[in-house]
Amino acid sequence: MATVLLVDDEPSVREVVRLYAEANGLTVVGEAVNGREGVDLTARLQPDVIVLDHEMPEMTGLDALPRIRRRAPNAVIVFYTGGTAGIAEHALAMGAAAYVTKNESPKALVQTVVALVLGRPRVAP
């Protein structure tokens, strides 16, 4: 269906999201532990979708987002973070397609990704 890059500093988050993604026909092509690595992997792997956390070491998701957007202008970027609504609005203004809080389940995140890949609007969980 689509290729996905996971950018999150928490290994357990990446593992659970990977399992849900693969169970829903998505192919996880890479994982990054910070924004800087996410930018590099985006340039190299050219994924269809990037799931991007905000609070990470070395480079935050908001700092990485414009760099990722330049390297993969057609990629769907989904912010997945425990951040505040202000961060969500900023991420959306910078080119993220959707924002999912970590209060929502990884299943809701993957449902959002699948809906966006299929060209459907995000359905609230």
PDB file of N, CA and C in Angstrom:
ATOM      1  N   MET A   1       0.827  -1.190   0.000  1.00  0.00           N
ATOM      2  CA  MET A   1       0.000   0.000   0.000  1.00  0.00           C
ATOM      3  C   MET A   1       0.873   1.256   0.000  1.00  0.00           C
ATOM      4  N   ALA A   2       1.683   1.464   1.071  1.00  0.00           N
ATOM      5  CA  ALA A   2       2.536   2.650   1.155  1.00  0.00           C
ATOM      6  C   ALA A   2       3.727   2.339   2.042  1.00  0.00           C
ATOM      7  N   THR A   3       4.803   3.109   1.828  1.00  0.00           N
ATOM      8  CA  THR A   3       5.987   2.959   2.670  1.00  0.00           C
ATOM      9  C   THR A   3       5.964   4.020   3.761  1.00  0.00           C
ATOM     10  N   VAL A   4       6.474   3.653   4.939  1.00  0.00           N
ATOM     11  CA  VAL A   4       6.403   4.520   6.109  1.00  0.00           C
ATOM     12  C   VAL A   4       7.769   4.613   6.781  1.00  0.00           C
ATOM     13  N   LEU A   5       8.119   5.823   7.212  1.00  0.00           N
ATOM     14  CA  LEU A   5       9.288   6.054   8.050  1.00  0.00           C
ATOM     15  C   LEU A   5       8.789   6.487   9.415  1.00  0.00           C
ATOM     16  N   LEU A   6       9.267   5.824  10.469  1.00  0.00           N
ATOM     17  CA  LEU A   6       8.889   6.171  11.834  1.00  0.00           C
ATOM     18  C   LEU A   6      10.014   6.986  12.460  1.00  0.00           C
ATOM     19  N   VAL A   7       9.682   8.170  12.976  1.00  0.00           N
ATOM     20  CA  VAL A   7      10.672   9.036  13.607  1.00  0.00           C
ATOM     21  C   VAL A   7      10.197   9.330  15.026  1.00  0.00           C
ATOM     22  N   ASP A   8      10.752   8.591  15.986  1.00  0.00           N
ATOM     23  CA  ASP A   8      10.362   8.718  17.391  1.00  0.00           C
ATOM     24  C   ASP A   8      11.507   8.188  18.232  1.00  0.00           C
ATOM     25  N   ASP A   9      11.816   8.862  19.322  1.00  0.00           N
ATOM     26  CA  ASP A   9      12.940   8.441  20.157  1.00  0.00           C
ATOM     27  C   ASP A   9      12.607   7.291  21.097  1.00  0.00           C
ATOM     28  N   GLU A  10      11.357   6.911  21.186  1.00  0.00           N
ATOM     29  CA  GLU A  10      10.945   5.816  22.072  1.00  0.00           C
ATOM     30  C   GLU A  10      10.859   4.496  21.306  1.00  0.00           C
ATOM     31  N   PRO A  11      11.749   3.538  21.606  1.00  0.00           N
ATOM     32  CA  PRO A  11      11.727   2.257  20.887  1.00  0.00           C
ATOM     33  C   PRO A  11      10.390   1.519  21.006  1.00  0.00           C
ATOM     34  N   SER A  12       9.749   1.599  22.165  1.00  0.00           N
ATOM     35  CA  SER A  12       8.483   0.882  22.344  1.00  0.00           C
ATOM     36  C   SER A  12       7.385   1.481  21.473  1.00  0.00           C
ATOM     37  N   VAL A  13       7.392   2.788  21.305  1.00  0.00           N
ATOM     38  CA  VAL A  13       6.402   3.439  20.430  1.00  0.00           C
ATOM     39  C   VAL A  13       6.621   2.983  18.992  1.00  0.00           C
ATOM     40  N   ARG A  14       7.884   3.018  18.544  1.00  0.00           N
ATOM     41  CA  ARG A  14       8.166   2.585  17.169  1.00  0.00           C
ATOM     42  C   ARG A  14       7.765   1.128  16.956  1.00  0.00           C
ATOM     43  N   GLU A  15       8.024   0.280  17.936  1.00  0.00           N
ATOM     44  CA  GLU A  15       7.697  -1.141  17.797  1.00  0.00           C
ATOM     45  C   GLU A  15       6.196  -1.374  17.654  1.00  0.00           C
ATOM     46  N   VAL A  16       5.409  -0.733  18.493  1.00  0.00           N
ATOM     47  CA  VAL A  16       3.950  -0.921  18.452  1.00  0.00           C
ATOM     48  C   VAL A  16       3.368  -0.341  17.162  1.00  0.00           C
ATOM     49  N   VAL A  17       3.822   0.842  16.781  1.00  0.00           N
ATOM     50  CA  VAL A  17       3.314   1.454  15.556  1.00  0.00           C
ATOM     51  C   VAL A  17       3.696   0.593  14.356  1.00  0.00           C
ATOM     52  N   ARG A  18       4.920   0.063  14.347  1.00  0.00           N
ATOM     53  CA  ARG A  18       5.344  -0.824  13.255  1.00  0.00           C
ATOM     54  C   ARG A  18       4.413  -2.031  13.144  1.00  0.00           C
ATOM     55  N   LEU A  19       4.104  -2.659  14.265  1.00  0.00           N
ATOM     56  CA  LEU A  19       3.231  -3.838  14.250  1.00  0.00           C
ATOM     57  C   LEU A  19       1.850  -3.504  13.680  1.00  0.00           C
ATOM     58  N   TYR A  20       1.247  -2.409  14.142  1.00  0.00           N
ATOM     59  CA  TYR A  20      -0.064  -1.998  13.616  1.00  0.00           C
ATOM     60  C   TYR A  20       0.027  -1.641  12.135  1.00  0.00           C
ATOM     61  N   ALA A  21       1.078  -0.923  11.758  1.00  0.00           N
ATOM     62  CA  ALA A  21       1.231  -0.515  10.357  1.00  0.00           C
ATOM     63  C   ALA A  21       1.331  -1.727   9.451  1.00  0.00           C
ATOM     64  N   GLU A  22       2.197  -2.653   9.807  1.00  0.00           N
ATOM     65  CA  GLU A  22       2.391  -3.832   8.962  1.00  0.00           C
ATOM     66  C   GLU A  22       1.143  -4.710   8.921  1.00  0.00           C
ATOM     67  N   ALA A  23       0.400  -4.763  10.018  1.00  0.00           N
ATOM     68  CA  ALA A  23      -0.848  -5.529  10.041  1.00  0.00           C
ATOM     69  C   ALA A  23      -1.912  -4.901   9.141  1.00  0.00           C
ATOM     70  N   ASN A  24      -1.710  -3.627   8.794  1.00  0.00           N
ATOM     71  CA  ASN A  24      -2.671  -2.919   7.938  1.00  0.00           C
ATOM     72  C   ASN A  24      -2.149  -2.681   6.532  1.00  0.00           C
ATOM     73  N   GLY A  25      -1.144  -3.454   6.130  1.00  0.00           N
ATOM     74  CA  GLY A  25      -0.675  -3.411   4.750  1.00  0.00           C
ATOM     75  C   GLY A  25       0.353  -2.342   4.439  1.00  0.00           C
ATOM     76  N   LEU A  26       0.820  -1.619   5.453  1.00  0.00           N
ATOM     77  CA  LEU A  26       1.852  -0.609   5.246  1.00  0.00           C
ATOM     78  C   LEU A  26       3.231  -1.262   5.400  1.00  0.00           C
ATOM     79  N   THR A  27       4.233  -0.727   4.742  1.00  0.00           N
ATOM     80  CA  THR A  27       5.596  -1.246   4.842  1.00  0.00           C
ATOM     81  C   THR A  27       6.462  -0.215   5.535  1.00  0.00           C
ATOM     82  N   VAL A  28       6.957  -0.545   6.714  1.00  0.00           N
ATOM     83  CA  VAL A  28       7.858   0.349   7.437  1.00  0.00           C
ATOM     84  C   VAL A  28       9.250   0.147   6.860  1.00  0.00           C
ATOM     85  N   VAL A  29       9.768   1.185   6.218  1.00  0.00           N
ATOM     86  CA  VAL A  29      11.066   1.081   5.529  1.00  0.00           C
ATOM     87  C   VAL A  29      12.218   1.589   6.374  1.00  0.00           C
ATOM     88  N   GLY A  30      11.917   2.261   7.481  1.00  0.00           N
ATOM     89  CA  GLY A  30      12.988   2.757   8.326  1.00  0.00           C
ATOM     90  C   GLY A  30      12.471   3.332   9.622  1.00  0.00           C
ATOM     91  N   GLU A  31      13.413   3.465  10.573  1.00  0.00           N
ATOM     92  CA  GLU A  31      13.107   4.044  11.871  1.00  0.00           C
ATOM     93  C   GLU A  31      14.241   4.979  12.258  1.00  0.00           C
ATOM     94  N   ALA A  32      13.882   6.149  12.761  1.00  0.00           N
ATOM     95  CA  ALA A  32      14.858   7.131  13.207  1.00  0.00           C
ATOM     96  C   ALA A  32      14.590   7.467  14.668  1.00  0.00           C
ATOM     97  N   VAL A  33      15.657   7.772  15.406  1.00  0.00           N
ATOM     98  CA  VAL A  33      15.529   8.044  16.835  1.00  0.00           C
ATOM     99  C   VAL A  33      15.559   9.536  17.161  1.00  0.00           C
ATOM    100  N   ASN A  34      15.756  10.376  16.151  1.00  0.00           N
ATOM    101  CA  ASN A  34      15.713  11.819  16.362  1.00  0.00           C
ATOM    102  C   ASN A  34      15.422  12.503  15.030  1.00  0.00           C
ATOM    103  N   GLY A  35      15.164  13.796  15.092  1.00  0.00           N
ATOM    104  CA  GLY A  35      14.808  14.529  13.885  1.00  0.00           C
ATOM    105  C   GLY A  35      15.902  14.556  12.840  1.00  0.00           C
ATOM    106  N   ARG A  36      17.144  14.689  13.278  1.00  0.00           N
ATOM    107  CA  ARG A  36      18.266  14.732  12.335  1.00  0.00           C
ATOM    108  C   ARG A  36      18.359  13.423  11.534  1.00  0.00           C
ATOM    109  N   GLU A  37      18.236  12.318  12.231  1.00  0.00           N
ATOM    110  CA  GLU A  37      18.256  11.016  11.553  1.00  0.00           C
ATOM    111  C   GLU A  37      17.033  10.867  10.650  1.00  0.00           C
ATOM    112  N   GLY A  38      15.892  11.402  11.081  1.00  0.00           N
ATOM    113  CA  GLY A  38      14.681  11.356  10.264  1.00  0.00           C
ATOM    114  C   GLY A  38      14.851  12.101   8.951  1.00  0.00           C
ATOM    115  N   VAL A  39      15.515  13.260   8.999  1.00  0.00           N
ATOM    116  CA  VAL A  39      15.777  14.035   7.782  1.00  0.00           C
ATOM    117  C   VAL A  39      16.671  13.226   6.839  1.00  0.00           C
ATOM    118  N   ASP A  40      17.732  12.642   7.386  1.00  0.00           N
ATOM    119  CA  ASP A  40      18.662  11.853   6.565  1.00  0.00           C
ATOM    120  C   ASP A  40      17.978  10.641   5.939  1.00  0.00           C
ATOM    121  N   LEU A  41      17.193   9.915   6.737  1.00  0.00           N
ATOM    122  CA  LEU A  41      16.508   8.732   6.203  1.00  0.00           C
ATOM    123  C   LEU A  41      15.434   9.104   5.186  1.00  0.00           C
ATOM    124  N   THR A  42      14.780  10.233   5.398  1.00  0.00           N
ATOM    125  CA  THR A  42      13.791  10.691   4.417  1.00  0.00           C
ATOM    126  C   THR A  42      14.456  10.895   3.062  1.00  0.00           C
ATOM    127  N   ALA A  43      15.595  11.564   3.058  1.00  0.00           N
ATOM    128  CA  ALA A  43      16.305  11.831   1.802  1.00  0.00           C
ATOM    129  C   ALA A  43      16.719  10.532   1.120  1.00  0.00           C
ATOM    130  N   ARG A  44      17.151   9.574   1.899  1.00  0.00           N
ATOM    131  CA  ARG A  44      17.647   8.317   1.345  1.00  0.00           C
ATOM    132  C   ARG A  44      16.526   7.360   0.938  1.00  0.00           C
ATOM    133  N   LEU A  45      15.477   7.258   1.759  1.00  0.00           N
ATOM    134  CA  LEU A  45      14.444   6.234   1.552  1.00  0.00           C
ATOM    135  C   LEU A  45      13.231   6.722   0.759  1.00  0.00           C
ATOM    136  N   GLN A  46      12.979   8.030   0.754  1.00  0.00           N
ATOM    137  CA  GLN A  46      11.825   8.612   0.062  1.00  0.00           C
ATOM    138  C   GLN A  46      10.517   7.876   0.403  1.00  0.00           C
ATOM    139  N   PRO A  47      10.159   7.815   1.690  1.00  0.00           N
ATOM    140  CA  PRO A  47       8.920   7.129   2.072  1.00  0.00           C
ATOM    141  C   PRO A  47       7.686   7.907   1.620  1.00  0.00           C
ATOM    142  N   ASP A  48       6.578   7.192   1.527  1.00  0.00           N
ATOM    143  CA  ASP A  48       5.295   7.827   1.202  1.00  0.00           C
ATOM    144  C   ASP A  48       4.744   8.592   2.397  1.00  0.00           C
ATOM    145  N   VAL A  49       5.023   8.061   3.611  1.00  0.00           N
ATOM    146  CA  VAL A  49       4.484   8.620   4.845  1.00  0.00           C
ATOM    147  C   VAL A  49       5.599   8.720   5.879  1.00  0.00           C
ATOM    148  N   ILE A  50       5.606   9.817   6.637  1.00  0.00           N
ATOM    149  CA  ILE A  50       6.531   9.960   7.759  1.00  0.00           C
ATOM    150  C   ILE A  50       5.697  10.206   9.000  1.00  0.00           C
ATOM    151  N   VAL A  51       5.847   9.336   9.992  1.00  0.00           N
ATOM    152  CA  VAL A  51       5.221   9.528  11.294  1.00  0.00           C
ATOM    153  C   VAL A  51       6.283  10.199  12.150  1.00  0.00           C
ATOM    154  N   LEU A  52       5.991  11.410  12.622  1.00  0.00           N
ATOM    155  CA  LEU A  52       6.999  12.270  13.225  1.00  0.00           C
ATOM    156  C   LEU A  52       6.606  12.701  14.632  1.00  0.00           C
ATOM    157  N   ASP A  53       7.440  12.325  15.590  1.00  0.00           N
ATOM    158  CA  ASP A  53       7.282  12.784  16.974  1.00  0.00           C
ATOM    159  C   ASP A  53       7.831  14.203  17.070  1.00  0.00           C
ATOM    160  N   HIS A  54       7.470  14.917  18.122  1.00  0.00           N
ATOM    161  CA  HIS A  54       8.013  16.262  18.291  1.00  0.00           C
ATOM    162  C   HIS A  54       9.201  16.289  19.246  1.00  0.00           C
ATOM    163  N   GLU A  55       9.010  15.825  20.458  1.00  0.00           N
ATOM    164  CA  GLU A  55      10.041  15.933  21.486  1.00  0.00           C
ATOM    165  C   GLU A  55      11.047  14.799  21.358  1.00  0.00           C
ATOM    166  N   MET A  56      12.193  15.144  20.732  1.00  0.00           N
ATOM    167  CA  MET A  56      13.270  14.169  20.524  1.00  0.00           C
ATOM    168  C   MET A  56      14.601  14.872  20.735  1.00  0.00           C
ATOM    169  N   PRO A  57      15.643  14.104  21.051  1.00  0.00           N
ATOM    170  CA  PRO A  57      16.968  14.712  21.183  1.00  0.00           C
ATOM    171  C   PRO A  57      17.525  15.148  19.832  1.00  0.00           C
ATOM    172  N   GLU A  58      18.464  16.048  19.868  1.00  0.00           N
ATOM    173  CA  GLU A  58      19.209  16.562  18.713  1.00  0.00           C
ATOM    174  C   GLU A  58      18.409  17.476  17.803  1.00  0.00           C
ATOM    175  N   MET A  59      17.202  17.090  17.431  1.00  0.00           N
ATOM    176  CA  MET A  59      16.363  17.943  16.574  1.00  0.00           C
ATOM    177  C   MET A  59      14.901  17.563  16.812  1.00  0.00           C
ATOM    178  N   THR A  60      14.084  18.554  17.157  1.00  0.00           N
ATOM    179  CA  THR A  60      12.669  18.279  17.407  1.00  0.00           C
ATOM    180  C   THR A  60      11.934  18.000  16.100  1.00  0.00           C
ATOM    181  N   GLY A  61      10.734  17.510  16.242  1.00  0.00           N
ATOM    182  CA  GLY A  61       9.908  17.269  15.063  1.00  0.00           C
ATOM    183  C   GLY A  61       9.592  18.551  14.304  1.00  0.00           C
ATOM    184  N   LEU A  62       9.321  19.633  15.031  1.00  0.00           N
ATOM    185  CA  LEU A  62       9.034  20.905  14.353  1.00  0.00           C
ATOM    186  C   LEU A  62      10.261  21.431  13.617  1.00  0.00           C
ATOM    187  N   ASP A  63      11.443  21.210  14.167  1.00  0.00           N
ATOM    188  CA  ASP A  63      12.664  21.619  13.476  1.00  0.00           C
ATOM    189  C   ASP A  63      12.926  20.740  12.251  1.00  0.00           C
ATOM    190  N   ALA A  64      12.595  19.474  12.363  1.00  0.00           N
ATOM    191  CA  ALA A  64      12.836  18.531  11.263  1.00  0.00           C
ATOM    192  C   ALA A  64      11.805  18.662  10.142  1.00  0.00           C
ATOM    193  N   LEU A  65      10.590  19.060  10.474  1.00  0.00           N
ATOM    194  CA  LEU A  65       9.495  19.047   9.501  1.00  0.00           C
ATOM    195  C   LEU A  65       9.810  19.808   8.208  1.00  0.00           C
ATOM    196  N   PRO A  66      10.276  21.055   8.251  1.00  0.00           N
ATOM    197  CA  PRO A  66      10.547  21.727   6.973  1.00  0.00           C
ATOM    198  C   PRO A  66      11.687  21.084   6.185  1.00  0.00           C
ATOM    199  N   ARG A  67      12.651  20.527   6.878  1.00  0.00           N
ATOM    200  CA  ARG A  67      13.760  19.846   6.203  1.00  0.00           C
ATOM    201  C   ARG A  67      13.262  18.566   5.523  1.00  0.00           C
ATOM    202  N   ILE A  68      12.387  17.859   6.230  1.00  0.00           N
ATOM    203  CA  ILE A  68      11.791  16.642   5.665  1.00  0.00           C
ATOM    204  C   ILE A  68      10.925  17.012   4.457  1.00  0.00           C
ATOM    205  N   ARG A  69      10.141  18.058   4.600  1.00  0.00           N
ATOM    206  CA  ARG A  69       9.251  18.499   3.519  1.00  0.00           C
ATOM    207  C   ARG A  69      10.065  18.826   2.257  1.00  0.00           C
ATOM    208  N   ARG A  70      11.224  19.480   2.419  1.00  0.00           N
ATOM    209  CA  ARG A  70      12.070  19.799   1.258  1.00  0.00           C
ATOM    210  C   ARG A  70      12.633  18.536   0.601  1.00  0.00           C
ATOM    211  N   ARG A  71      12.936  17.522   1.402  1.00  0.00           N
ATOM    212  CA  ARG A  71      13.543  16.302   0.859  1.00  0.00           C
ATOM    213  C   ARG A  71      12.518  15.334   0.289  1.00  0.00           C
ATOM    214  N   ALA A  72      11.280  15.448   0.729  1.00  0.00           N
ATOM    215  CA  ALA A  72      10.207  14.572   0.239  1.00  0.00           C
ATOM    216  C   ALA A  72       8.924  15.400   0.142  1.00  0.00           C
ATOM    217  N   PRO A  73       8.833  16.269  -0.865  1.00  0.00           N
ATOM    218  CA  PRO A  73       7.706  17.204  -0.937  1.00  0.00           C
ATOM    219  C   PRO A  73       6.336  16.557  -1.070  1.00  0.00           C
ATOM    220  N   ASN A  74       6.277  15.339  -1.555  1.00  0.00           N
ATOM    221  CA  ASN A  74       4.980  14.677  -1.738  1.00  0.00           C
ATOM    222  C   ASN A  74       4.622  13.718  -0.609  1.00  0.00           C
ATOM    223  N   ALA A  75       5.508  13.573   0.356  1.00  0.00           N
ATOM    224  CA  ALA A  75       5.249  12.643   1.465  1.00  0.00           C
ATOM    225  C   ALA A  75       4.149  13.187   2.371  1.00  0.00           C
ATOM    226  N   VAL A  76       3.401  12.275   2.938  1.00  0.00           N
ATOM    227  CA  VAL A  76       2.387  12.606   3.940  1.00  0.00           C
ATOM    228  C   VAL A  76       3.101  12.585   5.294  1.00  0.00           C
ATOM    229  N   ILE A  77       3.018  13.693   6.021  1.00  0.00           N
ATOM    230  CA  ILE A  77       3.646  13.766   7.340  1.00  0.00           C
ATOM    231  C   ILE A  77       2.549  13.793   8.387  1.00  0.00           C
ATOM    232  N   VAL A  78       2.636  12.845   9.322  1.00  0.00           N
ATOM    233  CA  VAL A  78       1.676  12.766  10.421  1.00  0.00           C
ATOM    234  C   VAL A  78       2.433  12.997  11.719  1.00  0.00           C
ATOM    235  N   PHE A  79       2.087  14.060  12.425  1.00  0.00           N
ATOM    236  CA  PHE A  79       2.684  14.332  13.730  1.00  0.00           C
ATOM    237  C   PHE A  79       2.019  13.417  14.743  1.00  0.00           C
ATOM    238  N   TYR A  80       2.818  12.722  15.547  1.00  0.00           N
ATOM    239  CA  TYR A  80       2.308  11.808  16.578  1.00  0.00           C
ATOM    240  C   TYR A  80       3.070  12.116  17.849  1.00  0.00           C
ATOM    241  N   THR A  81       2.464  12.908  18.719  1.00  0.00           N
ATOM    242  CA  THR A  81       3.201  13.392  19.878  1.00  0.00           C
ATOM    243  C   THR A  81       2.281  13.703  21.039  1.00  0.00           C
ATOM    244  N   GLY A  82       2.861  13.824  22.191  1.00  0.00           N
ATOM    245  CA  GLY A  82       2.110  14.183  23.386  1.00  0.00           C
ATOM    246  C   GLY A  82       2.024  15.679  23.579  1.00  0.00           C
ATOM    247  N   GLY A  83       2.438  16.441  22.587  1.00  0.00           N
ATOM    248  CA  GLY A  83       2.500  17.901  22.676  1.00  0.00           C
ATOM    249  C   GLY A  83       1.149  18.573  22.798  1.00  0.00           C
ATOM    250  N   THR A  84       1.199  19.867  22.870  1.00  0.00           N
ATOM    251  CA  THR A  84      -0.001  20.675  23.065  1.00  0.00           C
ATOM    252  C   THR A  84      -0.661  21.025  21.739  1.00  0.00           C
ATOM    253  N   ALA A  85      -1.841  21.583  21.828  1.00  0.00           N
ATOM    254  CA  ALA A  85      -2.577  21.989  20.625  1.00  0.00           C
ATOM    255  C   ALA A  85      -1.807  23.036  19.839  1.00  0.00           C
ATOM    256  N   GLY A  86      -1.067  23.918  20.505  1.00  0.00           N
ATOM    257  CA  GLY A  86      -0.275  24.914  19.805  1.00  0.00           C
ATOM    258  C   GLY A  86       0.750  24.284  18.885  1.00  0.00           C
ATOM    259  N   ILE A  87       1.340  23.201  19.324  1.00  0.00           N
ATOM    260  CA  ILE A  87       2.309  22.481  18.495  1.00  0.00           C
ATOM    261  C   ILE A  87       1.593  21.862  17.303  1.00  0.00           C
ATOM    262  N   ALA A  88       0.399  21.341  17.528  1.00  0.00           N
ATOM    263  CA  ALA A  88      -0.377  20.741  16.436  1.00  0.00           C
ATOM    264  C   ALA A  88      -0.667  21.769  15.360  1.00  0.00           C
ATOM    265  N   GLU A  89      -1.127  22.944  15.758  1.00  0.00           N
ATOM    266  CA  GLU A  89      -1.439  23.996  14.787  1.00  0.00           C
ATOM    267  C   GLU A  89      -0.188  24.410  14.018  1.00  0.00           C
ATOM    268  N   HIS A  90       0.914  24.511  14.730  1.00  0.00           N
ATOM    269  CA  HIS A  90       2.176  24.887  14.087  1.00  0.00           C
ATOM    270  C   HIS A  90       2.608  23.808  13.090  1.00  0.00           C
ATOM    271  N   ALA A  91       2.515  22.545  13.482  1.00  0.00           N
ATOM    272  CA  ALA A  91       2.897  21.440  12.591  1.00  0.00           C
ATOM    273  C   ALA A  91       2.023  21.423  11.339  1.00  0.00           C
ATOM    274  N   LEU A  92       0.732  21.627  11.508  1.00  0.00           N
ATOM    275  CA  LEU A  92      -0.176  21.646  10.360  1.00  0.00           C
ATOM    276  C   LEU A  92       0.138  22.823   9.437  1.00  0.00           C
ATOM    277  N   ALA A  93       0.447  23.980  10.020  1.00  0.00           N
ATOM    278  CA  ALA A  93       0.796  25.153   9.220  1.00  0.00           C
ATOM    279  C   ALA A  93       2.101  24.941   8.450  1.00  0.00           C
ATOM    280  N   MET A  94       2.976  24.088   8.993  1.00  0.00           N
ATOM    281  CA  MET A  94       4.269  23.828   8.363  1.00  0.00           C
ATOM    282  C   MET A  94       4.206  22.692   7.334  1.00  0.00           C
ATOM    283  N   GLY A  95       3.045  22.064   7.172  1.00  0.00           N
ATOM    284  CA  GLY A  95       2.911  21.058   6.138  1.00  0.00           C
ATOM    285  C   GLY A  95       2.569  19.655   6.582  1.00  0.00           C
ATOM    286  N   ALA A  96       2.362  19.451   7.878  1.00  0.00           N
ATOM    287  CA  ALA A  96       1.896  18.134   8.317  1.00  0.00           C
ATOM    288  C   ALA A  96       0.463  17.939   7.821  1.00  0.00           C
ATOM    289  N   ALA A  97       0.139  16.716   7.433  1.00  0.00           N
ATOM    290  CA  ALA A  97      -1.204  16.418   6.935  1.00  0.00           C
ATOM    291  C   ALA A  97      -2.192  16.173   8.062  1.00  0.00           C
ATOM    292  N   ALA A  98      -1.679  15.714   9.208  1.00  0.00           N
ATOM    293  CA  ALA A  98      -2.543  15.389  10.338  1.00  0.00           C
ATOM    294  C   ALA A  98      -1.723  15.405  11.614  1.00  0.00           C
ATOM    295  N   TYR A  99      -2.433  15.447  12.704  1.00  0.00           N
ATOM    296  CA  TYR A  99      -1.837  15.447  14.036  1.00  0.00           C
ATOM    297  C   TYR A  99      -2.604  14.442  14.878  1.00  0.00           C
ATOM    298  N   VAL A 100      -1.884  13.501  15.473  1.00  0.00           N
ATOM    299  CA  VAL A 100      -2.492  12.507  16.347  1.00  0.00           C
ATOM    300  C   VAL A 100      -1.751  12.571  17.675  1.00  0.00           C
ATOM    301  N   THR A 101      -2.491  12.715  18.774  1.00  0.00           N
ATOM    302  CA  THR A 101      -1.823  12.773  20.073  1.00  0.00           C
ATOM    303  C   THR A 101      -1.524  11.369  20.562  1.00  0.00           C
ATOM    304  N   LYS A 102      -0.533  11.279  21.425  1.00  0.00           N
ATOM    305  CA  LYS A 102      -0.182   9.977  21.978  1.00  0.00           C
ATOM    306  C   LYS A 102      -1.201   9.513  23.008  1.00  0.00           C
ATOM    307  N   ASN A 103      -2.211  10.349  23.299  1.00  0.00           N
ATOM    308  CA  ASN A 103      -3.341   9.906  24.112  1.00  0.00           C
ATOM    309  C   ASN A 103      -4.228   8.975  23.295  1.00  0.00           C
ATOM    310  N   GLU A 104      -4.157   9.113  21.971  1.00  0.00           N
ATOM    311  CA  GLU A 104      -4.876   8.213  21.084  1.00  0.00           C
ATOM    312  C   GLU A 104      -4.017   6.959  20.907  1.00  0.00           C
ATOM    313  N   SER A 105      -4.629   5.893  20.521  1.00  0.00           N
ATOM    314  CA  SER A 105      -3.912   4.628  20.396  1.00  0.00           C
ATOM    315  C   SER A 105      -3.073   4.579  19.118  1.00  0.00           C
ATOM    316  N   PRO A 106      -2.052   3.711  19.111  1.00  0.00           N
ATOM    317  CA  PRO A 106      -1.317   3.490  17.865  1.00  0.00           C
ATOM    318  C   PRO A 106      -2.237   3.014  16.745  1.00  0.00           C
ATOM    319  N   LYS A 107      -3.299   2.321  17.111  1.00  0.00           N
ATOM    320  CA  LYS A 107      -4.275   1.878  16.121  1.00  0.00           C
ATOM    321  C   LYS A 107      -4.922   3.091  15.449  1.00  0.00           C
ATOM    322  N   ALA A 108      -5.279   4.111  16.232  1.00  0.00           N
ATOM    323  CA  ALA A 108      -5.861   5.336  15.673  1.00  0.00           C
ATOM    324  C   ALA A 108      -4.865   6.030  14.763  1.00  0.00           C
ATOM    325  N   LEU A 109      -3.598   6.025  15.140  1.00  0.00           N
ATOM    326  CA  LEU A 109      -2.563   6.612  14.296  1.00  0.00           C
ATOM    327  C   LEU A 109      -2.514   5.910  12.949  1.00  0.00           C
ATOM    328  N   VAL A 110      -2.469   4.594  12.954  1.00  0.00           N
ATOM    329  CA  VAL A 110      -2.388   3.834  11.705  1.00  0.00           C
ATOM    330  C   VAL A 110      -3.660   4.004  10.884  1.00  0.00           C
ATOM    331  N   GLN A 111      -4.804   4.078  11.522  1.00  0.00           N
ATOM    332  CA  GLN A 111      -6.050   4.348  10.789  1.00  0.00           C
ATOM    333  C   GLN A 111      -5.980   5.698  10.092  1.00  0.00           C
ATOM    334  N   THR A 112      -5.384   6.679  10.752  1.00  0.00           N
ATOM    335  CA  THR A 112      -5.203   8.003  10.144  1.00  0.00           C
ATOM    336  C   THR A 112      -4.281   7.911   8.941  1.00  0.00           C
ATOM    337  N   VAL A 113      -3.171   7.200   9.093  1.00  0.00           N
ATOM    338  CA  VAL A 113      -2.214   7.048   7.990  1.00  0.00           C
ATOM    339  C   VAL A 113      -2.883   6.370   6.801  1.00  0.00           C
ATOM    340  N   VAL A 114      -3.585   5.287   7.046  1.00  0.00           N
ATOM    341  CA  VAL A 114      -4.255   4.562   5.961  1.00  0.00           C
ATOM    342  C   VAL A 114      -5.276   5.467   5.264  1.00  0.00           C
ATOM    343  N   ALA A 115      -6.067   6.200   6.038  1.00  0.00           N
ATOM    344  CA  ALA A 115      -7.062   7.100   5.452  1.00  0.00           C
ATOM    345  C   ALA A 115      -6.383   8.147   4.566  1.00  0.00           C
ATOM    346  N   LEU A 116      -5.290   8.719   5.033  1.00  0.00           N
ATOM    347  CA  LEU A 116      -4.583   9.729   4.246  1.00  0.00           C
ATOM    348  C   LEU A 116      -3.985   9.132   2.977  1.00  0.00           C
ATOM    349  N   VAL A 117      -3.429   7.935   3.078  1.00  0.00           N
ATOM    350  CA  VAL A 117      -2.847   7.265   1.907  1.00  0.00           C
ATOM    351  C   VAL A 117      -3.931   6.996   0.867  1.00  0.00           C
ATOM    352  N   LEU A 118      -5.117   6.648   1.326  1.00  0.00           N
ATOM    353  CA  LEU A 118      -6.220   6.359   0.417  1.00  0.00           C
ATOM    354  C   LEU A 118      -6.949   7.630  -0.037  1.00  0.00           C
ATOM    355  N   GLY A 119      -6.491   8.789   0.444  1.00  0.00           N
ATOM    356  CA  GLY A 119      -7.094  10.048   0.025  1.00  0.00           C
ATOM    357  C   GLY A 119      -8.384  10.383   0.739  1.00  0.00           C
ATOM    358  N   ARG A 120      -8.606   9.760   1.869  1.00  0.00           N
ATOM    359  CA  ARG A 120      -9.810  10.034   2.640  1.00  0.00           C
ATOM    360  C   ARG A 120      -9.481  10.991   3.781  1.00  0.00           C
ATOM    361  N   PRO A 121     -10.452  11.768   4.216  1.00  0.00           N
ATOM    362  CA  PRO A 121     -10.187  12.631   5.378  1.00  0.00           C
ATOM    363  C   PRO A 121     -10.031  11.786   6.628  1.00  0.00           C
ATOM    364  N   ARG A 122      -9.293  12.324   7.573  1.00  0.00           N
ATOM    365  CA  ARG A 122      -9.094  11.621   8.831  1.00  0.00           C
ATOM    366  C   ARG A 122     -10.414  11.532   9.583  1.00  0.00           C
ATOM    367  N   VAL A 123     -10.692  10.345  10.099  1.00  0.00           N
ATOM    368  CA  VAL A 123     -11.881  10.137  10.914  1.00  0.00           C
ATOM    369  C   VAL A 123     -11.439  10.155  12.369  1.00  0.00           C
ATOM    370  N   ALA A 124     -12.051  10.982  13.190  1.00  0.00           N
ATOM    371  CA  ALA A 124     -11.694  11.052  14.608  1.00  0.00           C
ATOM    372  C   ALA A 124     -11.977   9.712  15.259  1.00  0.00           C
ATOM    373  N   PRO A 125     -11.056   9.266  16.122  1.00  0.00           N
ATOM    374  CA  PRO A 125     -11.268   7.979  16.803  1.00  0.00           C
ATOM    375  C   PRO A 125     -12.410   8.046  17.795  1.00  0.00           C
TER     376      PRO A 125
END
